[in-house]
Protein backbone atom coordinates (compact mmCIF):
# COMPACT_ATOMS: atom_id res chain seq x y z
CA UNK A 1 4.22 22.01 32.33
CA UNK A 2 3.99 18.27 31.36
CA UNK A 3 7.15 17.49 31.80
CA UNK A 4 6.75 18.91 35.36
CA UNK A 5 3.68 16.83 36.05
CA UNK A 6 5.58 13.83 34.81
CA UNK A 7 8.57 14.72 37.00
CA UNK A 8 6.19 14.96 39.94
CA UNK A 9 4.32 11.68 39.05
CA UNK A 10 7.88 9.63 38.70
CA UNK A 11 8.59 11.69 42.52
CA UNK A 12 5.85 10.32 43.53
CA UNK A 13 6.23 6.74 42.42
CA UNK A 14 9.76 6.54 43.86
CA UNK A 15 9.45 8.74 47.06
CA UNK A 16 5.91 8.82 48.23
CA UNK A 17 6.23 10.43 51.35
CA UNK A 18 9.14 13.55 49.86
CA UNK A 19 6.18 14.28 47.10
CA UNK A 20 3.40 14.31 49.60
CA UNK A 21 5.98 16.60 51.94
CA UNK A 22 6.75 19.00 48.91
CA UNK A 23 2.87 19.46 47.78
CA UNK A 24 1.54 20.01 51.45
CA UNK A 25 4.37 22.63 51.98
CA UNK A 26 3.89 24.18 48.34
CA UNK A 27 -0.28 23.93 48.97
CA UNK A 28 0.15 25.31 52.70
CA UNK A 29 2.04 28.05 51.57
CA UNK A 30 -0.11 28.93 48.76
CA UNK A 31 -3.54 28.58 51.57
CA UNK A 32 -1.34 31.36 53.22
CA UNK A 33 -0.43 33.96 50.21
CA UNK A 34 -4.16 33.68 49.34
CA UNK A 35 -4.79 33.98 52.87
CA UNK A 36 -2.84 37.18 53.33
CA UNK A 37 -3.92 38.65 49.96
CA UNK A 38 -7.71 37.84 49.70
CA UNK A 39 -8.94 37.61 53.13
CA UNK A 40 -6.83 40.01 55.02
CA UNK A 41 -6.39 42.03 51.84
CA UNK A 42 -2.74 43.12 53.45
CA UNK A 43 -1.35 44.20 49.24
CA UNK A 44 2.42 43.44 48.32
CA UNK A 45 3.44 46.46 51.06
CA UNK A 46 1.44 44.59 53.75
CA UNK A 47 2.86 40.96 52.85
CA UNK A 48 4.46 38.46 55.65
CA UNK A 49 6.87 36.52 53.87
CA UNK A 50 8.29 35.06 56.92
CA UNK A 51 4.53 33.99 57.80
CA UNK A 52 4.03 31.95 54.30
CA UNK A 53 7.55 30.39 54.85
CA UNK A 54 6.46 29.28 58.08
CA UNK A 55 3.38 27.73 56.72
CA UNK A 56 5.14 25.99 53.87
CA UNK A 57 7.61 24.71 56.59
CA UNK A 58 4.56 23.19 58.49
CA UNK A 59 3.22 21.29 55.41
CA UNK A 60 6.83 20.20 54.59
CA UNK A 61 7.62 18.87 58.39
CA UNK A 62 3.98 17.89 60.00
CA UNK A 63 1.07 18.20 57.58
CA UNK A 64 2.55 16.16 54.64
CA UNK A 65 4.37 13.25 56.37
CA UNK A 66 1.24 13.25 59.37
CA UNK A 67 -1.53 13.03 56.87
CA UNK A 68 0.33 10.83 54.43
CA UNK A 69 1.24 8.43 56.87
CA UNK A 70 -2.54 8.52 58.51
CA UNK A 71 -4.02 7.50 54.73
CA UNK A 72 -1.79 4.58 54.95
CA UNK A 73 -2.43 3.50 58.70
CA UNK A 74 -6.51 3.84 57.55
CA UNK A 75 -6.25 1.61 54.73
CA UNK A 76 -4.86 -1.07 56.66
CA UNK A 77 -7.21 -0.14 59.51
CA UNK A 78 -9.99 -0.04 57.14
CA UNK A 79 -9.07 -2.03 53.76
CA UNK A 80 -11.08 -1.80 50.43
CA UNK A 81 -12.64 1.24 48.41
CA UNK A 82 -16.25 0.43 48.92
CA UNK A 83 -19.24 2.96 49.64
CA UNK A 84 -19.84 1.42 52.90
CA UNK A 85 -15.44 1.30 53.83
CA UNK A 86 -15.32 5.00 52.52
CA UNK A 87 -17.87 6.14 54.79
CA UNK A 88 -16.22 3.89 57.70
CA UNK A 89 -12.92 5.82 57.23
CA UNK A 90 -14.63 9.11 56.70
CA UNK A 91 -15.73 8.60 60.58
CA UNK A 92 -13.08 7.17 62.03
CA UNK A 93 -10.77 10.48 59.89
CA UNK A 94 -13.11 12.78 61.17
CA UNK A 95 -14.03 11.35 64.66
CA UNK A 96 -10.54 10.50 65.74
CA UNK A 97 -7.78 11.95 63.54
CA UNK A 98 -9.62 15.28 62.64
CA UNK A 99 -10.11 16.57 66.11
CA UNK A 100 -6.34 15.29 67.45
CA UNK A 101 -4.50 16.41 64.29
CA UNK A 102 -6.20 20.31 64.34
CA UNK A 103 -5.30 20.44 68.02
CA UNK A 104 -1.48 19.31 67.05
CA UNK A 105 -1.60 22.20 63.92
CA UNK A 106 -2.86 25.42 66.01
CA UNK A 107 -0.28 24.02 68.44
CA UNK A 108 2.70 23.55 66.67
CA UNK A 109 1.77 27.06 64.26
CA UNK A 110 1.68 28.88 68.02
CA UNK A 111 5.10 27.87 68.84
CA UNK A 112 6.46 28.68 65.23
CA UNK A 113 5.15 31.95 65.83
CA UNK A 114 7.12 32.42 69.41
CA UNK A 115 3.60 32.04 71.50
CA UNK A 116 4.48 31.47 75.17
CA UNK A 117 2.96 28.06 76.57
CA UNK A 118 0.21 29.77 78.37
CA UNK A 119 -0.18 32.26 74.80
CA UNK A 120 -0.48 29.09 72.70
CA UNK A 121 -2.92 27.33 75.52
CA UNK A 122 -5.38 30.29 75.38
CA UNK A 123 -5.28 30.61 71.81
CA UNK A 124 -6.07 27.39 71.18
CA UNK A 125 -9.00 27.63 73.75
CA UNK A 126 -9.74 30.62 71.60
CA UNK A 127 -9.80 28.75 68.18
CA UNK A 128 -10.12 25.00 68.10
CA UNK A 129 -13.66 24.75 68.73
CA UNK A 130 -14.88 27.05 65.93
CA UNK A 131 -12.24 25.53 63.54
CA UNK A 132 -13.35 21.98 64.31
CA UNK A 133 -16.85 22.46 63.61
CA UNK A 134 -15.85 25.01 60.24
CA UNK A 135 -14.16 21.45 59.29
CA UNK A 136 -16.78 19.52 59.84
CA UNK A 137 -18.95 21.52 57.10
CA UNK A 138 -16.17 21.21 54.70
CA UNK A 139 -14.60 17.65 55.04
CA UNK A 140 -16.67 14.89 55.34
CA UNK A 141 -18.08 15.03 51.71
CA UNK A 142 -14.39 15.57 50.59
CA UNK A 143 -12.73 12.48 52.75
CA UNK A 144 -16.17 10.20 51.54
CA UNK A 145 -15.13 11.17 47.74
CA UNK A 146 -11.60 10.85 48.55
CA UNK A 147 -12.00 7.10 50.49
CA UNK A 148 -14.17 5.88 47.25
CA UNK A 149 -12.90 6.99 44.40
CA UNK A 150 -8.80 8.01 44.73
CA UNK A 151 -6.02 5.69 45.05
CA UNK A 152 -4.19 5.96 48.61
CA UNK A 153 -0.73 7.53 47.10
CA UNK A 154 -2.83 10.03 45.42
CA UNK A 155 -4.88 10.91 48.03
CA UNK A 156 -3.15 13.67 49.79
CA UNK A 157 -2.57 15.59 46.95
CA UNK A 158 -5.92 15.90 46.15
CA UNK A 159 -7.03 16.48 49.92
CA UNK A 160 -4.32 19.59 49.69
CA UNK A 161 -5.87 20.55 46.51
CA UNK A 162 -9.15 20.94 47.97
CA UNK A 163 -7.47 22.30 51.16
CA UNK A 164 -6.03 25.20 49.39
CA UNK A 165 -9.15 27.26 50.65
CA UNK A 166 -8.98 25.31 53.94
CA UNK A 167 -5.45 26.16 54.34
CA UNK A 168 -5.87 29.53 53.84
CA UNK A 169 -9.04 29.76 56.72
CA UNK A 170 -6.47 27.76 58.65
CA UNK A 171 -3.75 30.40 58.32
CA UNK A 172 -6.07 33.10 58.80
CA UNK A 173 -7.07 31.57 61.71
CA UNK A 174 -3.90 30.57 63.88
CA UNK A 175 -2.39 33.76 62.60
CA UNK A 176 -4.99 36.04 63.99
CA UNK A 177 -3.50 37.68 66.88
């Protein structure tokens, strides 16, 4: 286990984008498995492996690269790590980035699940407000701590660890028909 941890650290140092994408994909998959097994109580026979693979792909191709890039941009826009800076970053993150990101996430998930444009738009209208309000219950304190205490290269991993619960919720919400 220690060798795996050191290997992840080396990958993060050499190829942070790849490490962040892999981390996001793996943890999005974990969130989906938890959603299917604990929330939806599907059991092994009702488990949809293809759904988990889709959520992992969204993590690899969308969540990891987009959120990782956003944190770099946010650090350039608002440099520093003071408490005031952390609050400013959280306000910009939750007021600007989160609403756009969540809409894109729901749209991508609908498209990956084969919804037509009309079905996807209807699903977004049905789920977006509730998902955004739930986001605001969870993420502001997490992000303040993340921006204040955690170095930039580890922020996505910290968020994704906390996000296992969030990913479970998003997977359940996005895949509920």
